[in-house]
Amino acid sequence: MSTSLAVPSRTATKEARFAVHITDTQRVFLCSETKSAPLTKTLRADLHKYEFYQPSPAFCRALVIDIDHIFAPNYIFDLPREIYPHAVIFTAQGVQAFWLIEGVPLTSKAHQAPIRFARDTAELLRRACSGDPAVNALSPSKCRNPLYKGAEVIYPTDCPPYALKALSGALRAFLRASKSPEGTETRPCRPEPVWGELEAGQRNETIFQTIRRTAYRGGDFEAQAYELSAQCNPPLPLSEVAGIVRSVQKFMETRFSPAEARHEPGAPVPDAVREFMAEIGRKGGSRKTEAQTQALARGRVAGNAVKSAQAIGRRAQIQALKEAGYKQREVAEKMGVTVRTVQRSWN
């Protein structure tokens, strides 16, 4: 029987204790040699041979935060030392960080309150580190393997797995302290990328932040997300773009406050808004002009194109999870859709 990291051996290294915790009670893993290669079943003894793997979808042992940014290590080490991650893997785009936690069952029969609390804590971590919102921190479909023999890994802390309550409290205190009395964050902002051709490492965050602001103004953020992805080099997979859109959509439905979209004093009003308001003023707002009617028609066409692209991305994601061995209900839970939606794309 394997030893838990919570009761470390005196002679074990911190790498060994980390490995024991994330592999505890699990003998078979789904791994791949590259990010795009399909997952295959692998015994625990051979886990070190694969660069990518899929953490158990039934039991969460670590929160995984993906930070695609050149200054990603700075975001990690800006955190208080008492909540440093247990492992950090350096990648070409940034880092993937692992926080070991006391285990949380993720099956449909498990208690949902601990799962929700784990998700809330993961969201706090993502905000604190400017992580990628499209990556599921509890059960990513595929992530870097910290036990891979060729991985560039460091172990910032050697403490036992975090209790979620303690980790959540420390993160909330850190996020409160990182804001000035006026409510603005004092941490240095990321450099604003110039649109044209976004390299890998800027794509997810830039698209997310851009369409978030468009959503605040009531714009068509879904269509914009796919347009921006087309400018990336290489473009994001449709499933990732759909995930970013879902994140913004969920935020707008559950947590958006109109105060967040307030126009900044002194900032110029966008030309499109100025023209629209002027047109309303001339017509009294009683009826649409021909230009407005045409614009609405173009919007409907663009909306149908976006829905079609989303369906293609969703179908591809469902097929990938099916090949990975998930059942229909498990796929529906992971993607946040109905079982009927999964069944339509299953075959």
Protein backbone atom coordinates (compact mmCIF):
# COMPACT_ATOMS: atom_id res chain seq x y z
CA MET A 1 0.00 0.00 0.00
CA SER A 2 1.41 3.41 -0.98
CA THR A 3 2.26 6.04 1.55
CA SER A 4 0.39 9.34 1.49
CA LEU A 5 2.34 12.57 1.21
CA ALA A 6 0.58 13.73 4.36
CA VAL A 7 2.75 11.23 6.30
CA PRO A 8 6.09 11.53 4.47
CA SER A 9 8.92 9.11 4.90
CA ARG A 10 12.06 10.50 6.50
CA THR A 11 14.23 9.21 3.67
CA ALA A 12 11.98 10.09 0.69
CA THR A 13 12.81 13.10 -1.44
CA LYS A 14 10.23 15.81 -2.05
CA GLU A 15 9.94 14.60 -5.68
CA ALA A 16 9.12 11.11 -4.38
CA ARG A 17 6.57 12.42 -1.90
CA PHE A 18 4.92 14.45 -4.66
CA ALA A 19 4.80 11.38 -6.92
CA VAL A 20 3.31 9.24 -4.16
CA HIS A 21 0.43 11.66 -3.63
CA ILE A 22 -0.66 12.11 -7.25
CA THR A 23 -0.42 8.37 -7.97
CA ASP A 24 -1.78 7.10 -4.64
CA THR A 25 -4.25 4.18 -5.11
CA GLN A 26 -4.22 4.61 -8.91
CA ARG A 27 -2.41 1.99 -11.00
CA VAL A 28 -3.50 2.83 -14.57
CA PHE A 29 -3.19 6.26 -16.20
CA LEU A 30 -4.14 7.70 -19.59
CA CYS A 31 -1.01 9.17 -21.18
CA SER A 32 0.33 10.44 -24.51
CA GLU A 33 3.76 11.32 -25.86
CA THR A 34 2.57 14.60 -27.42
CA LYS A 35 -0.25 17.06 -26.78
CA SER A 36 -2.11 16.05 -29.94
CA ALA A 37 -1.56 12.28 -29.71
CA PRO A 38 -4.46 10.13 -28.43
CA LEU A 39 -4.38 8.96 -24.84
CA THR A 40 -3.40 5.36 -24.14
CA LYS A 41 -3.58 3.29 -20.95
CA THR A 42 -0.29 3.17 -19.06
CA LEU A 43 0.77 1.48 -15.84
CA ARG A 44 2.03 3.64 -13.01
CA ALA A 45 5.55 2.20 -13.38
CA ASP A 46 5.75 3.63 -16.93
CA LEU A 47 4.23 7.02 -16.19
CA HIS A 48 7.63 8.75 -16.39
CA LYS A 49 7.91 7.92 -20.10
CA TYR A 50 5.08 10.22 -21.22
CA GLU A 51 5.10 14.01 -21.44
CA PHE A 52 1.31 14.39 -21.12
CA TYR A 53 -1.26 12.60 -18.99
CA GLN A 54 -4.83 12.89 -17.80
CA PRO A 55 -5.42 13.17 -14.03
CA SER A 56 -8.14 10.93 -12.68
CA PRO A 57 -11.59 12.30 -13.63
CA ALA A 58 -13.10 10.50 -10.62
CA PHE A 59 -10.82 11.82 -7.85
CA CYS A 60 -8.99 15.14 -7.62
CA ARG A 61 -5.60 15.05 -5.89
CA ALA A 62 -4.19 18.34 -7.23
CA LEU A 63 -5.39 21.67 -8.63
CA VAL A 64 -3.72 22.35 -11.99
CA ILE A 65 -3.37 25.96 -13.17
CA ASP A 66 -2.09 26.69 -16.68
CA ILE A 67 -0.44 30.10 -17.19
CA ASP A 68 0.44 30.88 -20.80
CA HIS A 69 2.55 33.99 -20.40
CA ILE A 70 6.19 35.01 -20.59
CA PHE A 71 6.02 36.31 -17.00
CA ALA A 72 4.19 33.25 -15.66
CA PRO A 73 6.89 32.38 -13.05
CA ASN A 74 6.53 35.91 -11.61
CA TYR A 75 2.81 35.35 -11.06
CA ILE A 76 3.58 32.11 -9.20
CA PHE A 77 6.25 33.55 -6.94
CA ASP A 78 4.25 36.70 -6.20
CA LEU A 79 2.04 34.45 -4.08
CA PRO A 80 2.67 34.19 -0.33
CA ARG A 81 5.21 31.49 0.46
CA GLU A 82 2.69 29.56 2.57
CA ILE A 83 0.59 28.81 -0.55
CA TYR A 84 3.33 28.10 -3.09
CA PRO A 85 2.53 25.24 -5.49
CA HIS A 86 4.07 21.83 -4.87
CA ALA A 87 5.37 21.54 -8.44
CA VAL A 88 5.87 23.89 -11.41
CA ILE A 89 6.55 22.66 -14.96
CA PHE A 90 8.12 25.13 -17.37
CA THR A 91 6.75 25.10 -20.92
CA ALA A 92 7.44 27.05 -24.10
CA GLN A 93 4.35 29.20 -23.40
CA GLY A 94 4.68 29.66 -19.63
CA VAL A 95 4.14 27.18 -16.78
CA GLN A 96 1.73 24.61 -15.40
CA ALA A 97 1.53 24.62 -11.61
CA PHE A 98 0.26 21.86 -9.31
CA TRP A 99 -1.18 22.42 -5.82
CA LEU A 100 -1.62 19.11 -3.99
CA ILE A 101 -4.87 19.04 -2.02
CA GLU A 102 -6.67 16.66 0.29
CA GLY A 103 -8.55 14.36 -2.09
CA VAL A 104 -11.97 15.33 -3.46
CA PRO A 105 -14.20 12.68 -5.15
CA LEU A 106 -15.60 13.95 -8.47
CA THR A 107 -18.09 11.22 -9.42
CA SER A 108 -21.78 11.97 -9.92
CA LYS A 109 -22.57 10.11 -6.69
CA ALA A 110 -20.14 12.19 -4.61
CA HIS A 111 -21.28 15.06 -2.39
CA GLN A 112 -21.48 18.16 -4.58
CA ALA A 113 -20.65 20.75 -1.89
CA PRO A 114 -16.93 19.76 -1.62
CA ILE A 115 -16.69 19.75 -5.43
CA ARG A 116 -18.18 23.26 -5.65
CA PHE A 117 -15.83 24.47 -2.93
CA ALA A 118 -12.85 22.96 -4.76
CA ARG A 119 -13.94 24.73 -7.96
CA ASP A 120 -14.27 28.03 -6.10
CA THR A 121 -10.79 27.61 -4.65
CA ALA A 122 -9.40 26.78 -8.09
CA GLU A 123 -11.01 29.96 -9.45
CA LEU A 124 -9.30 31.99 -6.71
CA LEU A 125 -5.99 30.39 -7.69
CA ARG A 126 -6.61 31.19 -11.34
CA ARG A 127 -7.32 34.83 -10.52
CA ALA A 128 -4.29 35.10 -8.26
CA CYS A 129 -1.97 33.69 -10.94
CA SER A 130 -3.71 35.04 -14.08
CA GLY A 131 -4.30 31.45 -15.18
CA ASP A 132 -6.06 30.18 -18.27
CA PRO A 133 -9.85 30.08 -17.62
CA ALA A 134 -10.37 27.43 -20.32
CA VAL A 135 -8.45 24.75 -18.37
CA ASN A 136 -10.42 22.66 -15.86
CA ALA A 137 -8.25 22.87 -12.75
CA LEU A 138 -9.83 19.84 -11.04
CA SER A 139 -9.78 17.37 -13.94
CA PRO A 140 -8.05 18.72 -17.05
CA SER A 141 -8.59 16.55 -20.13
CA LYS A 142 -4.82 16.54 -20.67
CA CYS A 143 -1.94 18.32 -18.93
CA ARG A 144 1.81 18.17 -18.53
CA ASN A 145 3.13 15.17 -16.64
CA PRO A 146 5.23 16.37 -13.68
CA LEU A 147 6.78 12.89 -13.43
CA TYR A 148 8.00 12.86 -17.05
CA LYS A 149 11.74 12.20 -17.11
CA GLY A 150 12.36 15.06 -19.57
CA ALA A 151 10.18 17.68 -17.85
CA GLU A 152 11.72 20.88 -16.50
CA VAL A 153 10.19 20.78 -13.01
CA ILE A 154 10.87 22.62 -9.77
CA TYR A 155 9.29 21.96 -6.37
CA PRO A 156 8.75 25.32 -4.62
CA THR A 157 7.28 23.82 -1.45
CA ASP A 158 7.51 20.52 0.41
CA CYS A 159 4.49 20.87 2.71
CA PRO A 160 1.66 18.32 3.04
CA PRO A 161 -1.35 18.63 0.71
CA TYR A 162 -3.36 21.80 1.33
CA ALA A 163 -6.71 21.71 3.08
CA LEU A 164 -9.08 23.55 0.75
CA LYS A 165 -10.47 25.76 3.52
CA ALA A 166 -7.00 26.99 4.51
CA LEU A 167 -5.93 27.48 0.89
CA SER A 168 -9.12 29.38 0.05
CA GLY A 169 -8.73 31.68 3.07
CA ALA A 170 -5.11 32.50 2.23
CA LEU A 171 -5.99 33.22 -1.41
CA ARG A 172 -8.85 35.54 -0.48
CA ALA A 173 -6.56 37.45 1.87
CA PHE A 174 -3.92 37.73 -0.86
CA LEU A 175 -6.43 38.99 -3.44
CA ARG A 176 -7.78 41.57 -1.00
CA ALA A 177 -4.26 42.76 -0.16
CA SER A 178 -3.34 43.04 -3.84
CA LYS A 179 -5.88 45.83 -4.32
CA SER A 180 -5.41 49.47 -3.45
CA PRO A 181 -7.97 51.41 -1.32
CA GLU A 182 -9.57 52.62 -4.56
CA GLY A 183 -10.17 49.01 -5.54
CA THR A 184 -7.58 48.77 -8.30
CA GLU A 185 -5.03 46.01 -8.36
CA THR A 186 -1.50 47.02 -7.40
CA ARG A 187 0.17 44.06 -9.08
CA PRO A 188 1.84 44.92 -12.40
CA CYS A 189 -0.46 44.43 -15.39
CA ARG A 190 0.42 42.26 -18.32
CA PRO A 191 1.71 44.06 -21.38
CA GLU A 192 -1.14 44.73 -23.80
CA PRO A 193 -0.58 42.59 -26.92
CA VAL A 194 -0.88 44.19 -30.33
CA TRP A 195 -3.48 42.57 -32.56
CA GLY A 196 -2.29 41.26 -35.86
CA GLU A 197 -0.73 37.86 -35.28
CA LEU A 198 -0.87 36.50 -31.75
CA GLU A 199 1.78 33.90 -30.94
CA ALA A 200 1.05 30.86 -28.77
CA GLY A 201 1.17 31.95 -25.13
CA GLN A 202 -0.92 35.10 -25.59
CA ARG A 203 -3.92 33.58 -27.28
CA ASN A 204 -6.29 32.34 -24.54
CA GLU A 205 -5.83 35.23 -22.13
CA THR A 206 -6.02 37.93 -24.81
CA ILE A 207 -9.17 36.51 -26.41
CA PHE A 208 -10.77 36.09 -22.99
CA GLN A 209 -10.01 39.63 -21.83
CA THR A 210 -11.04 41.18 -25.14
CA ILE A 211 -14.40 39.44 -25.49
CA ARG A 212 -15.11 39.99 -21.79
CA ARG A 213 -15.03 43.75 -22.35
CA THR A 214 -17.17 43.37 -25.47
CA ALA A 215 -19.71 41.38 -23.45
CA TYR A 216 -19.84 44.18 -20.85
CA ARG A 217 -20.81 46.60 -23.63
CA GLY A 218 -23.46 44.23 -24.95
CA GLY A 219 -21.54 43.34 -28.11
CA ASP A 220 -21.41 40.06 -30.01
CA PHE A 221 -18.55 38.55 -28.03
CA GLU A 222 -19.05 35.05 -29.46
CA ALA A 223 -18.43 36.11 -33.05
CA GLN A 224 -15.50 38.23 -31.92
CA ALA A 225 -13.87 35.25 -30.17
CA TYR A 226 -13.75 33.24 -33.39
CA GLU A 227 -12.56 36.23 -35.39
CA LEU A 228 -9.69 36.82 -32.97
CA SER A 229 -8.77 33.13 -32.95
CA ALA A 230 -8.41 33.27 -36.73
CA GLN A 231 -5.71 35.95 -36.23
CA CYS A 232 -3.67 33.74 -33.92
CA ASN A 233 -0.57 31.85 -35.06
CA PRO A 234 -1.55 29.05 -34.90
CA PRO A 235 -5.33 29.48 -34.39
CA LEU A 236 -6.80 28.01 -31.22
CA PRO A 237 -8.78 24.75 -31.57
CA LEU A 238 -12.51 25.43 -31.91
CA SER A 239 -13.15 23.53 -28.67
CA GLU A 240 -10.86 25.92 -26.73
CA VAL A 241 -12.53 28.98 -28.26
CA ALA A 242 -15.93 27.55 -27.34
CA GLY A 243 -14.66 27.03 -23.77
CA ILE A 244 -13.57 30.67 -23.50
CA VAL A 245 -16.96 31.81 -24.81
CA ARG A 246 -18.73 29.59 -22.25
CA SER A 247 -16.64 31.10 -19.43
CA VAL A 248 -17.63 34.65 -20.39
CA GLN A 249 -21.25 33.62 -20.95
CA LYS A 250 -21.43 31.98 -17.53
CA PHE A 251 -19.91 35.05 -15.88
CA MET A 252 -22.41 37.35 -17.61
CA GLU A 253 -25.31 35.17 -16.47
CA THR A 254 -24.27 34.64 -12.86
CA ARG A 255 -21.82 37.29 -11.65
CA PHE A 256 -21.87 40.31 -13.96
CA SER A 257 -22.59 43.67 -12.36
CA PRO A 258 -23.36 46.72 -14.57
CA ALA A 259 -21.00 48.75 -12.38
CA GLU A 260 -18.09 46.75 -13.84
CA ALA A 261 -18.92 47.99 -17.33
CA ARG A 262 -19.04 51.67 -16.36
CA HIS A 263 -17.45 53.97 -18.93
CA GLU A 264 -14.14 55.33 -17.66
CA PRO A 265 -14.13 59.13 -17.25
CA GLY A 266 -12.35 60.85 -20.08
CA ALA A 267 -12.21 57.74 -22.28
CA PRO A 268 -13.42 58.36 -25.86
CA VAL A 269 -16.75 56.86 -26.81
CA PRO A 270 -16.32 54.20 -29.53
CA ASP A 271 -17.26 55.42 -33.02
CA ALA A 272 -19.87 52.70 -33.47
CA VAL A 273 -21.62 53.72 -30.23
CA ARG A 274 -21.45 57.41 -31.15
CA GLU A 275 -22.98 56.77 -34.59
CA PHE A 276 -25.68 54.54 -33.14
CA MET A 277 -26.67 57.10 -30.50
CA ALA A 278 -26.68 59.89 -33.10
CA GLU A 279 -28.97 57.83 -35.32
CA ILE A 280 -31.35 57.22 -32.45
CA GLY A 281 -31.35 60.93 -31.70
CA ARG A 282 -32.22 61.82 -35.30
CA LYS A 283 -35.01 59.26 -35.57
CA GLY A 284 -36.27 59.57 -32.03
CA GLY A 285 -35.60 55.88 -31.49
CA SER A 286 -39.01 55.03 -32.93
CA ARG A 287 -37.92 52.77 -35.79
CA LYS A 288 -34.86 51.18 -37.35
CA THR A 289 -33.09 52.73 -40.31
CA GLU A 290 -32.23 50.70 -43.38
CA ALA A 291 -28.62 50.54 -42.23
CA GLN A 292 -29.71 49.21 -38.84
CA THR A 293 -31.93 46.58 -40.49
CA GLN A 294 -29.05 45.43 -42.67
CA ALA A 295 -26.75 45.33 -39.65
CA LEU A 296 -29.23 43.14 -37.78
CA ALA A 297 -29.45 40.79 -40.76
CA ARG A 298 -25.66 40.53 -40.91
CA GLY A 299 -25.65 39.85 -37.18
CA ARG A 300 -28.07 36.95 -37.59
CA VAL A 301 -25.92 35.44 -40.34
CA ALA A 302 -22.78 35.84 -38.21
CA GLY A 303 -24.60 34.36 -35.21
CA ASN A 304 -25.61 31.27 -37.21
CA ALA A 305 -22.00 30.85 -38.37
CA VAL A 306 -20.78 31.06 -34.78
CA LYS A 307 -23.35 28.50 -33.61
CA SER A 308 -22.25 26.17 -36.40
CA ALA A 309 -18.58 26.57 -35.38
CA GLN A 310 -19.50 25.95 -31.74
CA ALA A 311 -21.34 22.77 -32.70
CA ILE A 312 -18.29 21.52 -34.60
CA GLY A 313 -16.01 22.28 -31.66
CA ARG A 314 -18.39 20.65 -29.20
CA ARG A 315 -18.67 17.55 -31.38
CA ALA A 316 -14.87 17.28 -31.61
CA GLN A 317 -14.53 17.60 -27.84
CA ILE A 318 -17.20 14.93 -27.25
CA GLN A 319 -15.46 12.55 -29.65
CA ALA A 320 -12.11 13.14 -27.93
CA LEU A 321 -13.58 12.35 -24.50
CA LYS A 322 -15.35 9.30 -25.95
CA GLU A 323 -12.02 7.99 -27.29
CA ALA A 324 -10.50 8.61 -23.87
CA GLY A 325 -13.00 6.14 -22.37
CA TYR A 326 -15.61 8.43 -20.79
CA LYS A 327 -19.27 7.47 -20.71
CA GLN A 328 -22.00 9.77 -22.03
CA ARG A 329 -23.09 11.01 -18.61
CA GLU A 330 -19.48 11.67 -17.56
CA VAL A 331 -18.87 13.65 -20.76
CA ALA A 332 -22.02 15.70 -20.12
CA GLU A 333 -20.86 16.54 -16.59
CA LYS A 334 -17.35 17.52 -17.70
CA MET A 335 -18.61 19.78 -20.52
CA GLY A 336 -21.58 21.25 -18.66
CA VAL A 337 -24.14 20.13 -21.28
CA THR A 338 -27.13 17.78 -21.26
CA VAL A 339 -26.85 14.06 -21.96
CA ARG A 340 -29.11 14.60 -24.98
CA THR A 341 -26.55 17.02 -26.45
CA VAL A 342 -23.82 14.40 -25.98
CA GLN A 343 -25.96 11.69 -27.57
CA ARG A 344 -26.48 13.78 -30.73
CA SER A 345 -22.70 13.94 -31.29
CA TRP A 346 -21.81 10.49 -29.96
CA ASN A 347 -21.78 8.52 -33.26
